[in-house]
Amino acid sequence: MFETVVVGADGSPTAAEAVQQAIELVKLTGGRLHIVTAYKPQQFASGTSGVDQFLKSLGSNHLADSLLAELGSRARIAGVDAETHARTGAPADAICEVATQVKADVIVVGNKGMTGVHRVLGSVPNSVAHQAPCAVLIAFTT
């Protein structure tokens, strides 16, 4: 049923729990997991020194790649076939783009931001639920 699963991850404990739940879901179906993270590219000021530019270049995309490597490894250790995707832009857009590309059966996201003012103003789970090309599982992550 849910053979192609996409999960969003941002390095938070909520996202880590969503990834774990996605791993468990894929283990049940024998499917494939796609782990997505989104980041904003670094902008450099013209007056920034070479050392500062080098340090900043190790910023968002390096952190995204590092996060995805860790989560992909965690999935493979659990016996799950996983592919990772680092995208620039808004997290909900990135998750839904990947879900469309891989023809996902379900997207898993944590419930972070689903209470209080975030629920009214918008959150990643809320945005994903409204634009997803497939079913959405909002994992309860406390």
Protein backbone atom coordinates (compact mmCIF):
# COMPACT_ATOMS: atom_id res chain seq x y z
CA MET A 1 0.00 0.00 0.00
CA PHE A 2 2.56 2.62 1.10
CA GLU A 3 5.57 1.43 -0.86
CA THR A 4 7.07 4.80 -1.73
CA VAL A 5 7.37 6.95 1.39
CA VAL A 6 8.70 10.51 1.58
CA VAL A 7 9.65 12.01 4.93
CA GLY A 8 10.75 15.54 5.78
CA ALA A 9 13.67 16.11 8.13
CA ASP A 10 15.22 19.26 9.58
CA GLY A 11 17.46 17.96 12.35
CA SER A 12 14.89 18.53 15.10
CA PRO A 13 13.80 15.82 17.56
CA THR A 14 10.30 16.01 16.02
CA ALA A 15 11.66 15.29 12.55
CA ALA A 16 13.87 12.49 13.89
CA GLU A 17 10.77 10.81 15.31
CA ALA A 18 8.93 11.28 11.99
CA VAL A 19 11.88 9.65 10.18
CA GLN A 20 11.83 6.75 12.64
CA GLN A 21 8.11 6.25 12.07
CA ALA A 22 8.65 6.40 8.29
CA ILE A 23 11.40 3.78 8.60
CA GLU A 24 9.02 1.50 10.51
CA LEU A 25 6.31 2.01 7.89
CA VAL A 26 8.70 1.12 5.04
CA LYS A 27 9.89 -1.96 6.95
CA LEU A 28 6.29 -3.18 7.00
CA THR A 29 5.75 -2.63 3.27
CA GLY A 30 9.20 -3.49 1.94
CA GLY A 31 9.14 -0.24 0.00
CA ARG A 32 11.54 2.63 -0.50
CA LEU A 33 12.13 5.65 1.70
CA HIS A 34 12.97 9.14 0.43
CA ILE A 35 14.30 11.53 3.08
CA VAL A 36 14.05 15.24 2.21
CA THR A 37 15.57 18.31 3.81
CA ALA A 38 15.43 21.89 2.61
CA TYR A 39 17.82 24.75 3.23
CA LYS A 40 18.43 28.32 2.21
CA PRO A 41 21.63 28.91 0.22
CA GLN A 42 24.23 31.14 1.86
CA GLN A 43 24.63 34.68 0.55
CA PHE A 44 28.09 36.22 0.85
CA ALA A 45 28.77 39.89 1.44
CA SER A 46 31.33 41.40 -0.93
CA GLY A 47 33.51 42.49 2.03
CA THR A 48 33.71 39.02 3.57
CA SER A 49 37.24 37.64 3.95
CA GLY A 50 38.35 34.43 2.26
CA VAL A 51 38.37 32.54 5.54
CA ASP A 52 34.87 33.75 6.44
CA GLN A 53 33.61 32.78 2.97
CA PHE A 54 35.13 29.32 3.36
CA LEU A 55 33.52 28.84 6.77
CA LYS A 56 30.15 30.04 5.49
CA SER A 57 30.44 27.78 2.46
CA LEU A 58 30.43 24.88 4.92
CA GLY A 59 27.07 26.18 6.10
CA SER A 60 23.59 25.17 5.11
CA ASN A 61 24.23 22.75 2.24
CA HIS A 62 26.99 20.96 4.19
CA LEU A 63 24.70 20.67 7.22
CA ALA A 64 21.89 19.37 5.00
CA ASP A 65 24.17 16.77 3.42
CA SER A 66 25.47 15.73 6.85
CA LEU A 67 21.95 15.37 8.25
CA LEU A 68 20.84 13.33 5.26
CA ALA A 69 23.90 11.08 5.45
CA GLU A 70 23.13 10.33 9.10
CA LEU A 71 19.43 9.65 8.50
CA GLY A 72 20.10 7.59 5.38
CA SER A 73 22.58 5.50 7.34
CA ARG A 74 20.05 5.03 10.14
CA ALA A 75 17.49 3.77 7.62
CA ARG A 76 19.94 1.38 5.95
CA ILE A 77 21.01 -0.02 9.35
CA ALA A 78 17.31 -0.71 9.99
CA GLY A 79 17.18 -2.63 6.70
CA VAL A 80 15.36 0.06 4.72
CA ASP A 81 16.31 1.17 1.22
CA ALA A 82 16.64 4.98 1.47
CA GLU A 83 17.41 7.79 -0.93
CA THR A 84 18.15 11.30 0.29
CA HIS A 85 17.26 14.65 -1.25
CA ALA A 86 18.68 18.07 -0.29
CA ARG A 87 16.71 20.94 -1.80
CA THR A 88 16.86 24.69 -1.57
CA GLY A 89 13.71 26.59 -0.72
CA ALA A 90 10.72 26.18 1.54
CA PRO A 91 10.53 22.82 3.34
CA ALA A 92 6.90 22.05 2.41
CA ASP A 93 7.56 22.84 -1.25
CA ALA A 94 10.67 20.65 -1.28
CA ILE A 95 8.88 17.72 0.34
CA CYS A 96 5.96 17.93 -2.09
CA GLU A 97 8.25 18.32 -5.12
CA VAL A 98 10.14 15.16 -4.22
CA ALA A 99 6.87 13.34 -3.50
CA THR A 100 5.62 14.27 -6.97
CA GLN A 101 8.90 13.24 -8.64
CA VAL A 102 9.08 9.83 -6.99
CA LYS A 103 5.31 9.22 -7.20
CA ALA A 104 5.05 8.83 -3.44
CA ASP A 105 2.20 6.91 -1.86
CA VAL A 106 2.50 8.82 1.41
CA ILE A 107 4.39 11.71 2.98
CA VAL A 108 5.34 11.50 6.66
CA VAL A 109 5.92 14.71 8.64
CA GLY A 110 6.13 15.40 12.36
CA ASN A 111 3.45 17.44 14.09
CA LYS A 112 5.86 20.27 15.00
CA GLY A 113 4.10 23.60 14.57
CA MET A 114 0.59 22.13 14.62
CA THR A 115 -0.45 24.00 17.77
CA GLY A 116 -0.91 27.60 18.81
CA VAL A 117 -0.10 30.46 16.47
CA HIS A 118 1.74 28.18 14.01
CA ARG A 119 -1.47 26.28 13.36
CA VAL A 120 -3.18 29.52 12.32
CA LEU A 121 -0.25 31.15 10.49
CA GLY A 122 0.98 28.00 8.83
CA SER A 123 3.48 25.26 9.49
CA VAL A 124 5.32 22.71 7.43
CA PRO A 125 2.86 19.87 8.27
CA ASN A 126 -0.08 22.14 7.51
CA SER A 127 1.41 23.31 4.22
CA VAL A 128 2.32 19.77 3.18
CA ALA A 129 -1.20 18.56 3.98
CA HIS A 130 -2.69 21.24 1.74
CA GLN A 131 -0.42 20.76 -1.29
CA ALA A 132 0.59 17.09 -1.15
CA PRO A 133 0.17 14.95 -4.27
CA CYS A 134 -0.58 11.89 -2.10
CA ALA A 135 -1.68 10.80 1.37
CA VAL A 136 -0.07 12.55 4.36
CA LEU A 137 0.71 10.98 7.72
CA ILE A 138 1.27 13.57 10.44
CA ALA A 139 3.21 11.68 13.07
CA PHE A 140 2.55 12.49 16.70
CA THR A 141 5.95 13.35 18.08
CA THR A 142 5.12 15.04 21.42
